[in-house]
Amino acid sequence: MLAASALALAVSAPALEPVEPPVETVYAQVSAPVVAARQPRLELRLMQRVSRSTARRTVTRPMVVALRAARRSVARELARISAARREAHARKAVAERRAAARRESAGAGRHHHAAKPPRGVRYRGADARQHRAGRGRVRMTSVIAYARSQLGKNYRRGGDGPNSFDCSGFTKRAYARAGLHLPHSSGGQAARARSISRAAARPGDLVVGPGHVGIYMGGGMMIDAGNPSTGVIYRPLYGGLHIERF
């Protein structure tokens, strides 16, 4: 009787369904610990990556700056050395030219002394002309020697030495060594000389151009006080110039 009642109660009572949590809830419950476990690792890796990048910049940038500064310093030092070498070569060249000019001047003095005629002797006709030409060449040697010794001097308008010249001041000083007293004027100096062809030109002749004078040195070259940029310079004859002789 009791068993039948229990069976009837079991049949009449509704069946209870098992309760399962939703999938999202389970995933959330499972993922949350995983994410929570991984989060410190991600933060640690990010911090390490930033630290390495910062360290590379901290080490590399000063090295690049220092390298650039060293290169600039080396370039400045090389430029200074090159300038010093050029200056030394220029001083040496000027000293050599002056020494050569002094030697030529000393030789010209000996030749001039030897060229003096014996006392009481007079030259006539062709001998007189040859004697005057010989004396002229000796005097022009002094002019050439003086001109070479002034190479590199500065140009100054109205200057006639000893440290700076303009064109006529330079020739005035040079020809004074040969006993020629010329005016400080290119036109006035040219007016006292006579024109000759370039083929007949000799060292020591006057080079004349428009408002300009210089000294012919032979071989198509001359020495003149050109302008403030060049000073006293040794250079080839250029167009527009002609030769005159005192």
C-alpha atoms as a PDB file:
ATOM      1  CA  MET A   1       0.000   0.000   0.000  1.00  0.00           C
ATOM      2  CA  LEU A   2       2.830   2.403   0.889  1.00  0.00           C
ATOM      3  CA  ALA A   3       4.777   1.509  -2.247  1.00  0.00           C
ATOM      4  CA  ALA A   4       1.756   2.238  -4.394  1.00  0.00           C
ATOM      5  CA  SER A   5       1.361   5.700  -2.819  1.00  0.00           C
ATOM      6  CA  ALA A   6       4.996   6.537  -3.438  1.00  0.00           C
ATOM      7  CA  LEU A   7       4.731   5.446  -7.042  1.00  0.00           C
ATOM      8  CA  ALA A   8       1.654   7.596  -7.568  1.00  0.00           C
ATOM      9  CA  LEU A   9       3.414  10.609  -6.039  1.00  0.00           C
ATOM     10  CA  ALA A  10       6.404  10.110  -8.318  1.00  0.00           C
ATOM     11  CA  VAL A  11       4.219   9.979 -11.398  1.00  0.00           C
ATOM     12  CA  SER A  12       2.204  13.072 -10.463  1.00  0.00           C
ATOM     13  CA  ALA A  13       5.190  15.318  -9.428  1.00  0.00           C
ATOM     14  CA  PRO A  14       6.808  17.343 -12.303  1.00  0.00           C
ATOM     15  CA  ALA A  15      10.297  16.384 -13.305  1.00  0.00           C
ATOM     16  CA  LEU A  16      13.019  18.896 -12.285  1.00  0.00           C
ATOM     17  CA  GLU A  17      15.485  19.879 -15.065  1.00  0.00           C
ATOM     18  CA  PRO A  18      19.165  20.111 -14.165  1.00  0.00           C
ATOM     19  CA  VAL A  19      20.374  23.710 -13.859  1.00  0.00           C
ATOM     20  CA  GLU A  20      23.482  24.507 -15.964  1.00  0.00           C
ATOM     21  CA  PRO A  21      25.138  27.932 -16.146  1.00  0.00           C
ATOM     22  CA  PRO A  22      25.187  29.722 -19.540  1.00  0.00           C
ATOM     23  CA  VAL A  23      28.183  29.259 -21.792  1.00  0.00           C
ATOM     24  CA  GLU A  24      29.078  32.966 -21.584  1.00  0.00           C
ATOM     25  CA  THR A  25      29.179  32.795 -17.828  1.00  0.00           C
ATOM     26  CA  VAL A  26      31.393  29.741 -17.889  1.00  0.00           C
ATOM     27  CA  TYR A  27      33.715  31.366 -20.450  1.00  0.00           C
ATOM     28  CA  ALA A  28      33.862  34.484 -18.410  1.00  0.00           C
ATOM     29  CA  GLN A  29      34.601  32.543 -15.277  1.00  0.00           C
ATOM     30  CA  VAL A  30      37.337  30.550 -17.034  1.00  0.00           C
ATOM     31  CA  SER A  31      38.823  33.461 -19.004  1.00  0.00           C
ATOM     32  CA  ALA A  32      38.971  35.891 -16.172  1.00  0.00           C
ATOM     33  CA  PRO A  33      41.653  33.975 -14.270  1.00  0.00           C
ATOM     34  CA  VAL A  34      43.576  33.375 -17.509  1.00  0.00           C
ATOM     35  CA  VAL A  35      43.524  37.040 -18.495  1.00  0.00           C
ATOM     36  CA  ALA A  36      44.325  38.011 -14.968  1.00  0.00           C
ATOM     37  CA  ALA A  37      47.259  35.621 -15.063  1.00  0.00           C
ATOM     38  CA  ARG A  38      48.494  36.871 -18.431  1.00  0.00           C
ATOM     39  CA  GLN A  39      48.132  40.614 -17.696  1.00  0.00           C
ATOM     40  CA  PRO A  40      51.292  40.958 -15.581  1.00  0.00           C
ATOM     41  CA  ARG A  41      53.275  39.137 -18.241  1.00  0.00           C
ATOM     42  CA  LEU A  42      52.104  41.543 -20.989  1.00  0.00           C
ATOM     43  CA  GLU A  43      52.836  44.548 -18.845  1.00  0.00           C
ATOM     44  CA  LEU A  44      56.256  43.143 -18.012  1.00  0.00           C
ATOM     45  CA  ARG A  45      57.081  42.527 -21.700  1.00  0.00           C
ATOM     46  CA  LEU A  46      55.914  46.023 -22.659  1.00  0.00           C
ATOM     47  CA  MET A  47      57.999  47.561 -19.907  1.00  0.00           C
ATOM     48  CA  GLN A  48      61.037  45.560 -20.977  1.00  0.00           C
ATOM     49  CA  ARG A  49      60.571  46.583 -24.634  1.00  0.00           C
ATOM     50  CA  VAL A  50      60.280  50.283 -23.703  1.00  0.00           C
ATOM     51  CA  SER A  51      63.295  49.972 -21.425  1.00  0.00           C
ATOM     52  CA  ARG A  52      65.408  48.420 -24.195  1.00  0.00           C
ATOM     53  CA  SER A  53      64.339  51.139 -26.691  1.00  0.00           C
ATOM     54  CA  THR A  54      65.111  53.861 -24.168  1.00  0.00           C
ATOM     55  CA  ALA A  55      68.485  52.290 -23.408  1.00  0.00           C
ATOM     56  CA  ARG A  56      69.374  52.110 -27.107  1.00  0.00           C
ATOM     57  CA  ARG A  57      68.505  55.776 -27.605  1.00  0.00           C
ATOM     58  CA  THR A  58      70.370  56.734 -24.453  1.00  0.00           C
ATOM     59  CA  VAL A  59      73.525  54.938 -25.625  1.00  0.00           C
ATOM     60  CA  THR A  60      73.355  55.592 -29.402  1.00  0.00           C
ATOM     61  CA  ARG A  61      72.476  59.293 -29.516  1.00  0.00           C
ATOM     62  CA  PRO A  62      75.474  60.565 -27.477  1.00  0.00           C
ATOM     63  CA  MET A  63      77.753  58.379 -29.596  1.00  0.00           C
ATOM     64  CA  VAL A  64      76.387  59.898 -32.843  1.00  0.00           C
ATOM     65  CA  VAL A  65      76.699  63.425 -31.475  1.00  0.00           C
ATOM     66  CA  ALA A  66      80.237  62.754 -30.302  1.00  0.00           C
ATOM     67  CA  LEU A  67      81.184  61.214 -33.674  1.00  0.00           C
ATOM     68  CA  ARG A  68      79.863  64.228 -35.578  1.00  0.00           C
ATOM     69  CA  ALA A  69      81.722  66.593 -33.277  1.00  0.00           C
ATOM     70  CA  ALA A  70      84.929  64.597 -33.756  1.00  0.00           C
ATOM     71  CA  ARG A  71      84.553  64.699 -37.532  1.00  0.00           C
ATOM     72  CA  ARG A  72      84.050  68.479 -37.455  1.00  0.00           C
ATOM     73  CA  SER A  73      87.093  68.869 -35.239  1.00  0.00           C
ATOM     74  CA  VAL A  74      89.220  66.752 -37.599  1.00  0.00           C
ATOM     75  CA  ALA A  75      88.017  68.774 -40.622  1.00  0.00           C
ATOM     76  CA  ARG A  76      88.927  72.043 -38.885  1.00  0.00           C
ATOM     77  CA  GLU A  77      92.344  70.727 -37.949  1.00  0.00           C
ATOM     78  CA  LEU A  78      93.047  69.527 -41.500  1.00  0.00           C
ATOM     79  CA  ALA A  79      91.994  72.909 -42.894  1.00  0.00           C
ATOM     80  CA  ARG A  80      94.289  74.671 -40.417  1.00  0.00           C
ATOM     81  CA  ILE A  81      97.212  72.432 -41.366  1.00  0.00           C
ATOM     82  CA  SER A  82      96.601  72.990 -45.101  1.00  0.00           C
ATOM     83  CA  ALA A  83      96.463  76.757 -44.608  1.00  0.00           C
ATOM     84  CA  ALA A  84      99.683  76.705 -42.603  1.00  0.00           C
ATOM     85  CA  ARG A  85     101.413  74.656 -45.297  1.00  0.00           C
ATOM     86  CA  ARG A  86     100.255  77.023 -48.055  1.00  0.00           C
ATOM     87  CA  GLU A  87     101.460  80.008 -46.064  1.00  0.00           C
ATOM     88  CA  ALA A  88     104.829  78.355 -45.449  1.00  0.00           C
ATOM     89  CA  HIS A  89     105.225  77.531 -49.157  1.00  0.00           C
ATOM     90  CA  ALA A  90     104.341  81.123 -50.094  1.00  0.00           C
ATOM     91  CA  ARG A  91     106.878  82.542 -47.624  1.00  0.00           C
ATOM     92  CA  LYS A  92     109.540  80.159 -48.918  1.00  0.00           C
ATOM     93  CA  ALA A  93     108.836  81.131 -52.544  1.00  0.00           C
ATOM     94  CA  VAL A  94     109.040  84.841 -51.737  1.00  0.00           C
ATOM     95  CA  ALA A  95     112.296  84.325 -49.816  1.00  0.00           C
ATOM     96  CA  GLU A  96     113.790  82.386 -52.737  1.00  0.00           C
ATOM     97  CA  ARG A  97     112.760  85.073 -55.220  1.00  0.00           C
ATOM     98  CA  ARG A  98     114.261  87.794 -53.052  1.00  0.00           C
ATOM     99  CA  ALA A  99     117.488  85.838 -52.636  1.00  0.00           C
ATOM    100  CA  ALA A 100     117.696  85.378 -56.426  1.00  0.00           C
ATOM    101  CA  ALA A 101     117.039  89.084 -56.913  1.00  0.00           C
ATOM    102  CA  ARG A 102     119.824  89.971 -54.484  1.00  0.00           C
ATOM    103  CA  ARG A 103     122.224  87.669 -56.322  1.00  0.00           C
ATOM    104  CA  GLU A 104     121.279  89.199 -59.662  1.00  0.00           C
ATOM    105  CA  SER A 105     121.612  92.695 -58.236  1.00  0.00           C
ATOM    106  CA  ALA A 106     125.083  91.880 -56.904  1.00  0.00           C
ATOM    107  CA  GLY A 107     126.050  90.451 -60.304  1.00  0.00           C
ATOM    108  CA  ALA A 108     124.641  93.515 -62.054  1.00  0.00           C
ATOM    109  CA  GLY A 109     126.765  95.754 -59.837  1.00  0.00           C
ATOM    110  CA  ARG A 110     129.897  93.836 -60.827  1.00  0.00           C
ATOM    111  CA  HIS A 111     128.968  94.049 -64.528  1.00  0.00           C
ATOM    112  CA  HIS A 112     128.234  97.750 -64.229  1.00  0.00           C
ATOM    113  CA  HIS A 113     131.599  98.364 -62.657  1.00  0.00           C
ATOM    114  CA  ALA A 114     133.313  96.388 -65.427  1.00  0.00           C
ATOM    115  CA  ALA A 115     131.358  98.217 -68.132  1.00  0.00           C
ATOM    116  CA  LYS A 116     132.790 101.624 -67.230  1.00  0.00           C
ATOM    117  CA  PRO A 117     135.154 102.813 -69.964  1.00  0.00           C
ATOM    118  CA  PRO A 118     138.750 103.649 -69.136  1.00  0.00           C
ATOM    119  CA  ARG A 119     139.247 107.242 -68.037  1.00  0.00           C
ATOM    120  CA  GLY A 120     139.718 109.578 -71.008  1.00  0.00           C
ATOM    121  CA  VAL A 121     138.452 107.074 -73.650  1.00  0.00           C
ATOM    122  CA  ARG A 122     135.577 108.211 -75.915  1.00  0.00           C
ATOM    123  CA  TYR A 123     133.477 105.941 -78.113  1.00  0.00           C
ATOM    124  CA  ARG A 124     132.421 107.090 -81.566  1.00  0.00           C
ATOM    125  CA  GLY A 125     129.914 105.870 -84.177  1.00  0.00           C
ATOM    126  CA  ALA A 126     128.944 102.193 -83.915  1.00  0.00           C
ATOM    127  CA  ASP A 127     131.170 101.720 -80.879  1.00  0.00           C
ATOM    128  CA  ALA A 128     129.310 104.489 -79.055  1.00  0.00           C
ATOM    129  CA  ARG A 129     125.926 102.979 -79.902  1.00  0.00           C
ATOM    130  CA  GLN A 130     127.090  99.541 -78.793  1.00  0.00           C
ATOM    131  CA  HIS A 131     128.510 100.985 -75.601  1.00  0.00           C
ATOM    132  CA  ARG A 132     125.230 102.788 -74.817  1.00  0.00           C
ATOM    133  CA  ALA A 133     123.283  99.580 -75.503  1.00  0.00           C
ATOM    134  CA  GLY A 134     125.562  97.627 -73.183  1.00  0.00           C
ATOM    135  CA  ARG A 135     125.171 100.188 -70.418  1.00  0.00           C
ATOM    136  CA  GLY A 136     121.400 100.140 -70.949  1.00  0.00           C
ATOM    137  CA  ARG A 137     121.270  96.364 -70.552  1.00  0.00           C
ATOM    138  CA  VAL A 138     123.324  96.573 -67.367  1.00  0.00           C
ATOM    139  CA  ARG A 139     120.993  99.213 -65.951  1.00  0.00           C
ATOM    140  CA  MET A 140     117.925  97.215 -66.903  1.00  0.00           C
ATOM    141  CA  THR A 141     119.353  94.256 -64.958  1.00  0.00           C
ATOM    142  CA  SER A 142     119.033  96.368 -61.827  1.00  0.00           C
ATOM    143  CA  VAL A 143     115.462  97.253 -62.772  1.00  0.00           C
ATOM    144  CA  ILE A 144     114.574  93.581 -63.263  1.00  0.00           C
ATOM    145  CA  ALA A 145     116.198  92.548 -59.999  1.00  0.00           C
ATOM    146  CA  TYR A 146     114.282  95.203 -58.074  1.00  0.00           C
ATOM    147  CA  ALA A 147     111.000  94.255 -59.748  1.00  0.00           C
ATOM    148  CA  ARG A 148     111.426  90.600 -58.791  1.00  0.00           C
ATOM    149  CA  SER A 149     112.246  91.497 -55.211  1.00  0.00           C
ATOM    150  CA  GLN A 150     108.886  93.258 -54.840  1.00  0.00           C
ATOM    151  CA  LEU A 151     106.693  90.308 -55.838  1.00  0.00           C
ATOM    152  CA  GLY A 152     103.806  89.841 -53.448  1.00  0.00           C
ATOM    153  CA  LYS A 153     103.749  93.448 -52.198  1.00  0.00           C
ATOM    154  CA  ASN A 154     100.329  95.051 -51.773  1.00  0.00           C
ATOM    155  CA  TYR A 155      98.567  97.306 -54.243  1.00  0.00           C
ATOM    156  CA  ARG A 156      97.569 100.772 -53.004  1.00  0.00           C
ATOM    157  CA  ARG A 157      96.312 103.625 -55.129  1.00  0.00           C
ATOM    158  CA  GLY A 158      98.962 106.365 -55.138  1.00  0.00           C
ATOM    159  CA  GLY A 159     101.519 104.089 -53.471  1.00  0.00           C
ATOM    160  CA  ASP A 160     105.160 104.199 -54.560  1.00  0.00           C
ATOM    161  CA  GLY A 161     106.751 101.872 -52.001  1.00  0.00           C
ATOM    162  CA  PRO A 162     108.381 100.528 -50.114  1.00  0.00           C
ATOM    163  CA  ASN A 163     105.527  98.282 -48.908  1.00  0.00           C
ATOM    164  CA  SER A 164     102.732  99.041 -51.395  1.00  0.00           C
ATOM    165  CA  PHE A 165     102.481 100.369 -54.937  1.00  0.00           C
ATOM    166  CA  ASP A 166     100.162 101.329 -57.715  1.00  0.00           C
ATOM    167  CA  CYS A 167     101.266 100.557 -61.298  1.00  0.00           C
ATOM    168  CA  SER A 168     103.196 103.782 -62.031  1.00  0.00           C
ATOM    169  CA  GLY A 169     104.567 103.997 -58.476  1.00  0.00           C
ATOM    170  CA  PHE A 170     106.034 100.520 -58.928  1.00  0.00           C
ATOM    171  CA  THR A 171     107.715 101.304 -62.287  1.00  0.00           C
ATOM    172  CA  LYS A 172     108.906 104.695 -60.957  1.00  0.00           C
ATOM    173  CA  ARG A 173     110.741 102.986 -58.099  1.00  0.00           C
ATOM    174  CA  ALA A 174     112.146 100.236 -60.332  1.00  0.00           C
ATOM    175  CA  TYR A 175     113.532 102.504 -63.060  1.00  0.00           C
ATOM    176  CA  ALA A 176     115.072 104.794 -60.450  1.00  0.00           C
ATOM    177  CA  ARG A 177     117.531 101.923 -59.897  1.00  0.00           C
ATOM    178  CA  ALA A 178     118.724 102.549 -63.455  1.00  0.00           C
ATOM    179  CA  GLY A 179     119.034 106.297 -62.911  1.00  0.00           C
ATOM    180  CA  LEU A 180     115.734 107.113 -64.646  1.00  0.00           C
ATOM    181  CA  HIS A 181     113.636 109.616 -62.727  1.00  0.00           C
ATOM    182  CA  LEU A 182     110.088 109.181 -63.979  1.00  0.00           C
ATOM    183  CA  PRO A 183     106.835 110.900 -63.004  1.00  0.00           C
ATOM    184  CA  HIS A 184     104.268 109.066 -60.908  1.00  0.00           C
ATOM    185  CA  SER A 185     101.923 108.731 -63.871  1.00  0.00           C
ATOM    186  CA  SER A 186     101.437 105.959 -66.419  1.00  0.00           C
ATOM    187  CA  GLY A 187     100.814 108.484 -69.205  1.00  0.00           C
ATOM    188  CA  GLY A 188     103.820 110.609 -68.232  1.00  0.00           C
ATOM    189  CA  GLN A 189     106.114 107.567 -68.209  1.00  0.00           C
ATOM    190  CA  ALA A 190     104.858 106.355 -71.589  1.00  0.00           C
ATOM    191  CA  ALA A 191     105.412 109.825 -73.064  1.00  0.00           C
ATOM    192  CA  ARG A 192     109.136 109.615 -72.242  1.00  0.00           C
ATOM    193  CA  ALA A 193     109.655 106.285 -74.035  1.00  0.00           C
ATOM    194  CA  ARG A 194     109.411 105.142 -77.643  1.00  0.00           C
ATOM    195  CA  SER A 195     107.280 102.293 -78.947  1.00  0.00           C
ATOM    196  CA  ILE A 196     108.893  99.104 -80.225  1.00  0.00           C
ATOM    197  CA  SER A 197     107.466  95.834 -81.530  1.00  0.00           C
ATOM    198  CA  ARG A 198     106.888  92.871 -79.280  1.00  0.00           C
ATOM    199  CA  ALA A 199     109.357  90.900 -81.360  1.00  0.00           C
ATOM    200  CA  ALA A 200     112.100  93.411 -80.461  1.00  0.00           C
ATOM    201  CA  ALA A 201     111.177  93.591 -76.771  1.00  0.00           C
ATOM    202  CA  ARG A 202     113.926  93.070 -74.179  1.00  0.00           C
ATOM    203  CA  PRO A 203     113.738  92.500 -70.428  1.00  0.00           C
ATOM    204  CA  GLY A 204     113.463  95.852 -68.690  1.00  0.00           C
ATOM    205  CA  ASP A 205     111.307  97.517 -71.334  1.00  0.00           C
ATOM    206  CA  LEU A 206     108.185  99.371 -70.281  1.00  0.00           C
ATOM    207  CA  VAL A 207     104.835  97.608 -70.772  1.00  0.00           C
ATOM    208  CA  VAL A 208     102.083 100.130 -71.527  1.00  0.00           C
ATOM    209  CA  GLY A 209      98.308  99.739 -71.638  1.00  0.00           C
ATOM    210  CA  PRO A 210      95.289 102.007 -71.191  1.00  0.00           C
ATOM    211  CA  GLY A 211      96.043 103.756 -67.895  1.00  0.00           C
ATOM    212  CA  HIS A 212      98.513 101.065 -66.910  1.00  0.00           C
ATOM    213  CA  VAL A 213     102.270 100.343 -66.961  1.00  0.00           C
ATOM    214  CA  GLY A 214     104.478  97.417 -66.016  1.00  0.00           C
ATOM    215  CA  ILE A 215     107.954  95.993 -66.668  1.00  0.00           C
ATOM    216  CA  TYR A 216     108.685  93.418 -69.373  1.00  0.00           C
ATOM    217  CA  MET A 217     110.633  90.419 -68.048  1.00  0.00           C
ATOM    218  CA  GLY A 218     111.197  88.445 -71.267  1.00  0.00           C
ATOM    219  CA  GLY A 219     109.515  85.350 -72.634  1.00  0.00           C
ATOM    220  CA  GLY A 220     106.162  87.107 -72.957  1.00  0.00           C
ATOM    221  CA  MET A 221     105.974  87.782 -69.181  1.00  0.00           C
ATOM    222  CA  MET A 222     105.819  90.974 -67.160  1.00  0.00           C
ATOM    223  CA  ILE A 223     105.747  92.196 -63.552  1.00  0.00           C
ATOM    224  CA  ASP A 224     103.293  94.887 -62.544  1.00  0.00           C
ATOM    225  CA  ALA A 225     101.215  96.180 -59.658  1.00  0.00           C
ATOM    226  CA  GLY A 226      97.945  94.968 -61.104  1.00  0.00           C
ATOM    227  CA  ASN A 227      95.114  95.725 -58.676  1.00  0.00           C
ATOM    228  CA  PRO A 228      94.143  95.276 -55.012  1.00  0.00           C
ATOM    229  CA  SER A 229      93.344  91.603 -55.640  1.00  0.00           C
ATOM    230  CA  THR A 230      96.715  90.658 -57.170  1.00  0.00           C
ATOM    231  CA  GLY A 231      99.226  93.148 -55.742  1.00  0.00           C
ATOM    232  CA  VAL A 232     102.633  92.985 -57.426  1.00  0.00           C
ATOM    233  CA  ILE A 233     102.409  89.947 -59.679  1.00  0.00           C
ATOM    234  CA  TYR A 234     104.394  88.043 -62.329  1.00  0.00           C
ATOM    235  CA  ARG A 235     102.109  87.184 -65.243  1.00  0.00           C
ATOM    236  CA  PRO A 236     101.896  86.880 -69.060  1.00  0.00           C
ATOM    237  CA  LEU A 237     101.307  89.872 -71.312  1.00  0.00           C
ATOM    238  CA  TYR A 238      97.644  90.213 -72.164  1.00  0.00           C
ATOM    239  CA  GLY A 239      95.813  91.817 -75.053  1.00  0.00           C
ATOM    240  CA  GLY A 240      95.830  95.598 -75.392  1.00  0.00           C
ATOM    241  CA  LEU A 241      99.407  96.058 -74.150  1.00  0.00           C
ATOM    242  CA  HIS A 242     102.403  97.307 -76.150  1.00  0.00           C
ATOM    243  CA  ILE A 243     106.124  97.671 -75.443  1.00  0.00           C
ATOM    244  CA  GLU A 244     108.105 100.904 -75.075  1.00  0.00           C
ATOM    245  CA  ARG A 245     111.792 101.528 -74.374  1.00  0.00           C
ATOM    246  CA  PHE A 246     113.572 104.392 -72.596  1.00  0.00           C
END
